[in-house]
Amino acid sequence: MGTGILNWVFALPAFFTIDTFGRRNLLLFTYPFLAIFLFWTGFSFWIKKTRPDRVAMVTTGMYLFEVFYSPGSGPVPFTYSAEAFPLHIREIGMSFATATTWCFNFILSFTWPHLLTAFKPQGAFGWYAGWCVIGWFLVLWFVPETKDDLDIQNHGIASEAGTATAILPRI
């Protein structure tokens, strides 16, 4: 229940800032913290098992990871994929985007026990922290900012005035 509450509460900043701060900026801001807290969690396993602060350090690292996951990598990919496809194929595009997400969830859950065996917890968490660093660079180089590029304007259904605000009121 704690992770669900954290996920919900810390997704709220994205809800209020995704159109002002930007989708790309949310990812660029949160990915370094994801890597830091994955390293934190993994490195906490070097604390001796007999010390009581080991569990606290691992749990804190995991919860702080979730705090930064929720406003960035949680909602932003779904927002991007919802805006990326033209209206006439949006359902198909979103189904592929969702299927891709679930496919990678499966890959992660299937490979995690093998990573723990091969790399120990430090290496397994470090592996995914490394992917967060790679993801940061991929976002920096290849992901455009779309906060001012409204979907309605891109797909030819904007009003005659050429603004989406004539169709959809700003909140």
C-alpha atoms as a PDB file:
ATOM      1  CA  MET A   1       0.000   0.000   0.000  1.00  0.00           C
ATOM      2  CA  GLY A   2       2.893   2.356   0.704  1.00  0.00           C
ATOM      3  CA  THR A   3       4.199   2.210  -2.853  1.00  0.00           C
ATOM      4  CA  GLY A   4       0.748   2.848  -4.311  1.00  0.00           C
ATOM      5  CA  ILE A   5       0.248   5.901  -2.125  1.00  0.00           C
ATOM      6  CA  LEU A   6       3.724   7.213  -2.989  1.00  0.00           C
ATOM      7  CA  ASN A   7       3.091   6.640  -6.684  1.00  0.00           C
ATOM      8  CA  TRP A   8      -0.233   8.479  -6.580  1.00  0.00           C
ATOM      9  CA  VAL A   9       0.973  11.403  -4.462  1.00  0.00           C
ATOM     10  CA  PHE A  10       4.157  12.013  -6.435  1.00  0.00           C
ATOM     11  CA  ALA A  11       2.432  11.699  -9.806  1.00  0.00           C
ATOM     12  CA  LEU A  12       0.483  14.847  -8.881  1.00  0.00           C
ATOM     13  CA  PRO A  13       3.425  17.183  -9.649  1.00  0.00           C
ATOM     14  CA  ALA A  14       3.490  15.789 -13.189  1.00  0.00           C
ATOM     15  CA  PHE A  15      -0.260  16.331 -13.490  1.00  0.00           C
ATOM     16  CA  PHE A  16       0.203  20.017 -12.708  1.00  0.00           C
ATOM     17  CA  THR A  17       3.496  20.619 -14.546  1.00  0.00           C
ATOM     18  CA  ILE A  18       3.515  18.360 -17.597  1.00  0.00           C
ATOM     19  CA  ASP A  19       2.156  21.147 -19.830  1.00  0.00           C
ATOM     20  CA  THR A  20       4.198  23.958 -18.293  1.00  0.00           C
ATOM     21  CA  PHE A  21       7.530  22.428 -17.264  1.00  0.00           C
ATOM     22  CA  GLY A  22       7.378  19.976 -20.146  1.00  0.00           C
ATOM     23  CA  ARG A  23       7.446  16.265 -20.762  1.00  0.00           C
ATOM     24  CA  ARG A  24      11.095  16.181 -21.830  1.00  0.00           C
ATOM     25  CA  ASN A  25      12.173  18.304 -18.875  1.00  0.00           C
ATOM     26  CA  LEU A  26      10.386  15.994 -16.432  1.00  0.00           C
ATOM     27  CA  LEU A  27      12.326  13.057 -17.856  1.00  0.00           C
ATOM     28  CA  LEU A  28      15.633  14.927 -17.896  1.00  0.00           C
ATOM     29  CA  PHE A  29      15.086  16.040 -14.307  1.00  0.00           C
ATOM     30  CA  THR A  30      14.035  12.663 -12.907  1.00  0.00           C
ATOM     31  CA  TYR A  31      16.343  10.189 -14.710  1.00  0.00           C
ATOM     32  CA  PRO A  32      19.511  11.217 -12.816  1.00  0.00           C
ATOM     33  CA  PHE A  33      17.677  10.756  -9.521  1.00  0.00           C
ATOM     34  CA  LEU A  34      16.416   7.348 -10.643  1.00  0.00           C
ATOM     35  CA  ALA A  35      20.011   6.298 -11.291  1.00  0.00           C
ATOM     36  CA  ILE A  36      21.229   7.747  -7.985  1.00  0.00           C
ATOM     37  CA  PHE A  37      18.585   5.937  -5.942  1.00  0.00           C
ATOM     38  CA  LEU A  38      19.074   2.657  -7.775  1.00  0.00           C
ATOM     39  CA  PHE A  39      22.784   2.897  -6.987  1.00  0.00           C
ATOM     40  CA  TRP A  40      21.889   3.822  -3.384  1.00  0.00           C
ATOM     41  CA  THR A  41      19.638   0.774  -3.090  1.00  0.00           C
ATOM     42  CA  GLY A  42      22.209  -1.561  -4.617  1.00  0.00           C
ATOM     43  CA  PHE A  43      25.121  -0.205  -2.616  1.00  0.00           C
ATOM     44  CA  SER A  44      23.083  -0.528   0.585  1.00  0.00           C
ATOM     45  CA  PHE A  45      23.414  -4.289   0.207  1.00  0.00           C
ATOM     46  CA  TRP A  46      27.107  -3.909   1.079  1.00  0.00           C
ATOM     47  CA  ILE A  47      26.047  -3.008   4.612  1.00  0.00           C
ATOM     48  CA  LYS A  48      26.423  -6.073   6.810  1.00  0.00           C
ATOM     49  CA  LYS A  49      23.218  -8.068   7.290  1.00  0.00           C
ATOM     50  CA  THR A  50      23.585  -7.861  11.036  1.00  0.00           C
ATOM     51  CA  ARG A  51      23.319  -4.055  11.079  1.00  0.00           C
ATOM     52  CA  PRO A  52      19.767  -2.789  11.611  1.00  0.00           C
ATOM     53  CA  ASP A  53      20.189   0.159   9.251  1.00  0.00           C
ATOM     54  CA  ARG A  54      20.637  -2.072   6.174  1.00  0.00           C
ATOM     55  CA  VAL A  55      16.898  -2.621   5.687  1.00  0.00           C
ATOM     56  CA  ALA A  56      16.228   1.062   6.308  1.00  0.00           C
ATOM     57  CA  MET A  57      18.785   2.088   3.671  1.00  0.00           C
ATOM     58  CA  VAL A  58      17.457  -0.365   1.062  1.00  0.00           C
ATOM     59  CA  THR A  59      13.853   0.657   1.715  1.00  0.00           C
ATOM     60  CA  THR A  60      14.679   4.360   1.667  1.00  0.00           C
ATOM     61  CA  GLY A  61      16.484   3.976  -1.657  1.00  0.00           C
ATOM     62  CA  MET A  62      13.531   2.127  -3.152  1.00  0.00           C
ATOM     63  CA  TYR A  63      10.979   4.658  -1.894  1.00  0.00           C
ATOM     64  CA  LEU A  64      13.064   7.617  -3.081  1.00  0.00           C
ATOM     65  CA  PHE A  65      13.356   5.910  -6.478  1.00  0.00           C
ATOM     66  CA  GLU A  66       9.580   5.742  -6.607  1.00  0.00           C
ATOM     67  CA  VAL A  67       9.252   9.398  -5.566  1.00  0.00           C
ATOM     68  CA  PHE A  68      11.191  10.395  -8.693  1.00  0.00           C
ATOM     69  CA  TYR A  69       9.734   7.675 -10.924  1.00  0.00           C
ATOM     70  CA  SER A  70       6.175   8.838 -10.356  1.00  0.00           C
ATOM     71  CA  PRO A  71       6.410  12.340 -11.884  1.00  0.00           C
ATOM     72  CA  GLY A  72       8.757  11.333 -14.705  1.00  0.00           C
ATOM     73  CA  SER A  73       8.915   7.831 -16.116  1.00  0.00           C
ATOM     74  CA  GLY A  74       5.502   6.944 -14.715  1.00  0.00           C
ATOM     75  CA  PRO A  75       3.151   9.279 -16.649  1.00  0.00           C
ATOM     76  CA  VAL A  76       5.334  10.915 -19.308  1.00  0.00           C
ATOM     77  CA  PRO A  77       5.761   7.927 -21.687  1.00  0.00           C
ATOM     78  CA  PHE A  78       2.001   7.438 -21.765  1.00  0.00           C
ATOM     79  CA  THR A  79       1.494  11.129 -22.502  1.00  0.00           C
ATOM     80  CA  TYR A  80       4.019  10.992 -25.334  1.00  0.00           C
ATOM     81  CA  SER A  81       2.491   7.885 -26.854  1.00  0.00           C
ATOM     82  CA  ALA A  82      -1.008   9.338 -26.570  1.00  0.00           C
ATOM     83  CA  GLU A  83       0.112  12.376 -28.577  1.00  0.00           C
ATOM     84  CA  ALA A  84       2.383  10.642 -31.063  1.00  0.00           C
ATOM     85  CA  PHE A  85      -0.145   8.845 -33.226  1.00  0.00           C
ATOM     86  CA  PRO A  86      -2.573  10.446 -35.706  1.00  0.00           C
ATOM     87  CA  LEU A  87      -6.217  10.154 -34.742  1.00  0.00           C
ATOM     88  CA  HIS A  88      -7.068   7.559 -37.384  1.00  0.00           C
ATOM     89  CA  ILE A  89      -4.618   5.029 -35.883  1.00  0.00           C
ATOM     90  CA  ARG A  90      -4.422   6.253 -32.297  1.00  0.00           C
ATOM     91  CA  GLU A  91      -6.103   3.160 -30.812  1.00  0.00           C
ATOM     92  CA  ILE A  92      -3.700   0.827 -32.579  1.00  0.00           C
ATOM     93  CA  GLY A  93      -0.697   2.970 -31.669  1.00  0.00           C
ATOM     94  CA  MET A  94      -1.667   3.163 -28.012  1.00  0.00           C
ATOM     95  CA  SER A  95      -2.271  -0.579 -27.896  1.00  0.00           C
ATOM     96  CA  PHE A  96       1.245  -1.160 -29.246  1.00  0.00           C
ATOM     97  CA  ALA A  97       2.686   1.355 -26.775  1.00  0.00           C
ATOM     98  CA  THR A  98       0.917  -0.344 -23.878  1.00  0.00           C
ATOM     99  CA  ALA A  99       1.923  -3.796 -25.117  1.00  0.00           C
ATOM    100  CA  THR A 100       5.532  -2.608 -25.321  1.00  0.00           C
ATOM    101  CA  THR A 101       5.361  -1.401 -21.725  1.00  0.00           C
ATOM    102  CA  TRP A 102       3.982  -4.728 -20.533  1.00  0.00           C
ATOM    103  CA  CYS A 103       6.551  -6.618 -22.612  1.00  0.00           C
ATOM    104  CA  PHE A 104       9.398  -4.783 -20.902  1.00  0.00           C
ATOM    105  CA  ASN A 105       7.710  -5.304 -17.510  1.00  0.00           C
ATOM    106  CA  PHE A 106       7.741  -9.016 -18.281  1.00  0.00           C
ATOM    107  CA  ILE A 107      11.398  -8.906 -19.352  1.00  0.00           C
ATOM    108  CA  LEU A 108      12.355  -7.060 -16.170  1.00  0.00           C
ATOM    109  CA  SER A 109      10.479  -9.446 -13.873  1.00  0.00           C
ATOM    110  CA  PHE A 110      11.733 -12.502 -15.749  1.00  0.00           C
ATOM    111  CA  THR A 111      15.405 -11.445 -15.765  1.00  0.00           C
ATOM    112  CA  TRP A 112      15.567  -9.966 -12.245  1.00  0.00           C
ATOM    113  CA  PRO A 113      16.200 -13.295 -10.427  1.00  0.00           C
ATOM    114  CA  HIS A 114      18.940 -14.158 -12.928  1.00  0.00           C
ATOM    115  CA  LEU A 115      20.567 -10.729 -12.473  1.00  0.00           C
ATOM    116  CA  LEU A 116      20.521 -11.204  -8.707  1.00  0.00           C
ATOM    117  CA  THR A 117      22.265 -14.548  -9.098  1.00  0.00           C
ATOM    118  CA  ALA A 118      24.812 -13.354 -11.653  1.00  0.00           C
ATOM    119  CA  PHE A 119      25.581  -9.851 -10.368  1.00  0.00           C
ATOM    120  CA  LYS A 120      24.367  -9.903  -6.747  1.00  0.00           C
ATOM    121  CA  PRO A 121      21.974  -7.105  -5.675  1.00  0.00           C
ATOM    122  CA  GLN A 122      24.641  -4.428  -6.072  1.00  0.00           C
ATOM    123  CA  GLY A 123      25.247  -5.297  -9.706  1.00  0.00           C
ATOM    124  CA  ALA A 124      21.582  -5.883 -10.528  1.00  0.00           C
ATOM    125  CA  PHE A 125      20.523  -2.479  -9.218  1.00  0.00           C
ATOM    126  CA  GLY A 126      23.629  -0.965 -10.819  1.00  0.00           C
ATOM    127  CA  TRP A 127      22.638  -2.515 -14.163  1.00  0.00           C
ATOM    128  CA  TYR A 128      19.310  -0.706 -14.127  1.00  0.00           C
ATOM    129  CA  ALA A 129      20.906   2.486 -12.818  1.00  0.00           C
ATOM    130  CA  GLY A 130      23.172   2.355 -15.850  1.00  0.00           C
ATOM    131  CA  TRP A 131      20.111   2.075 -18.090  1.00  0.00           C
ATOM    132  CA  CYS A 132      18.708   5.192 -16.427  1.00  0.00           C
ATOM    133  CA  VAL A 133      21.892   7.044 -17.354  1.00  0.00           C
ATOM    134  CA  ILE A 134      21.627   5.764 -20.929  1.00  0.00           C
ATOM    135  CA  GLY A 135      17.946   6.749 -20.947  1.00  0.00           C
ATOM    136  CA  TRP A 136      18.860  10.271 -19.884  1.00  0.00           C
ATOM    137  CA  PHE A 137      21.165  10.650 -22.874  1.00  0.00           C
ATOM    138  CA  LEU A 138      18.580   9.124 -25.228  1.00  0.00           C
ATOM    139  CA  VAL A 139      15.983  11.625 -24.014  1.00  0.00           C
ATOM    140  CA  LEU A 140      18.490  14.466 -24.345  1.00  0.00           C
ATOM    141  CA  TRP A 141      19.390  13.532 -27.924  1.00  0.00           C
ATOM    142  CA  PHE A 142      16.181  12.102 -29.402  1.00  0.00           C
ATOM    143  CA  VAL A 143      13.049  13.152 -27.505  1.00  0.00           C
ATOM    144  CA  PRO A 144      11.520  16.455 -28.625  1.00  0.00           C
ATOM    145  CA  GLU A 145       9.653  18.726 -26.252  1.00  0.00           C
ATOM    146  CA  THR A 146       5.946  18.724 -27.038  1.00  0.00           C
ATOM    147  CA  LYS A 147       4.515  20.935 -24.279  1.00  0.00           C
ATOM    148  CA  ASP A 148       3.745  23.790 -26.712  1.00  0.00           C
ATOM    149  CA  ASP A 149       2.989  21.536 -29.673  1.00  0.00           C
ATOM    150  CA  LEU A 150      -0.603  20.567 -29.036  1.00  0.00           C
ATOM    151  CA  ASP A 151      -1.888  17.321 -30.442  1.00  0.00           C
ATOM    152  CA  ILE A 152      -4.999  18.967 -31.863  1.00  0.00           C
ATOM    153  CA  GLN A 153      -2.892  21.317 -33.955  1.00  0.00           C
ATOM    154  CA  ASN A 154      -0.700  18.509 -35.264  1.00  0.00           C
ATOM    155  CA  HIS A 155      -3.536  16.447 -36.643  1.00  0.00           C
ATOM    156  CA  GLY A 156      -5.431  19.079 -38.579  1.00  0.00           C
ATOM    157  CA  ILE A 157      -8.497  19.492 -36.386  1.00  0.00           C
ATOM    158  CA  ALA A 158      -7.679  22.864 -34.865  1.00  0.00           C
ATOM    159  CA  SER A 159     -10.136  25.671 -35.090  1.00  0.00           C
ATOM    160  CA  GLU A 160     -10.159  28.182 -37.908  1.00  0.00           C
ATOM    161  CA  ALA A 161      -8.225  30.548 -35.691  1.00  0.00           C
ATOM    162  CA  GLY A 162      -5.457  27.950 -35.649  1.00  0.00           C
ATOM    163  CA  THR A 163      -5.384  27.490 -31.894  1.00  0.00           C
ATOM    164  CA  ALA A 164      -6.540  24.601 -29.846  1.00  0.00           C
ATOM    165  CA  THR A 165      -7.622  26.951 -27.076  1.00  0.00           C
ATOM    166  CA  ALA A 166     -10.612  27.890 -29.228  1.00  0.00           C
ATOM    167  CA  ILE A 167     -11.741  24.268 -28.935  1.00  0.00           C
ATOM    168  CA  LEU A 168     -10.451  23.288 -25.508  1.00  0.00           C
ATOM    169  CA  PRO A 169     -10.467  25.770 -22.639  1.00  0.00           C
ATOM    170  CA  ARG A 170      -7.239  26.127 -20.674  1.00  0.00           C
ATOM    171  CA  ILE A 171      -7.520  25.160 -17.037  1.00  0.00           C
END
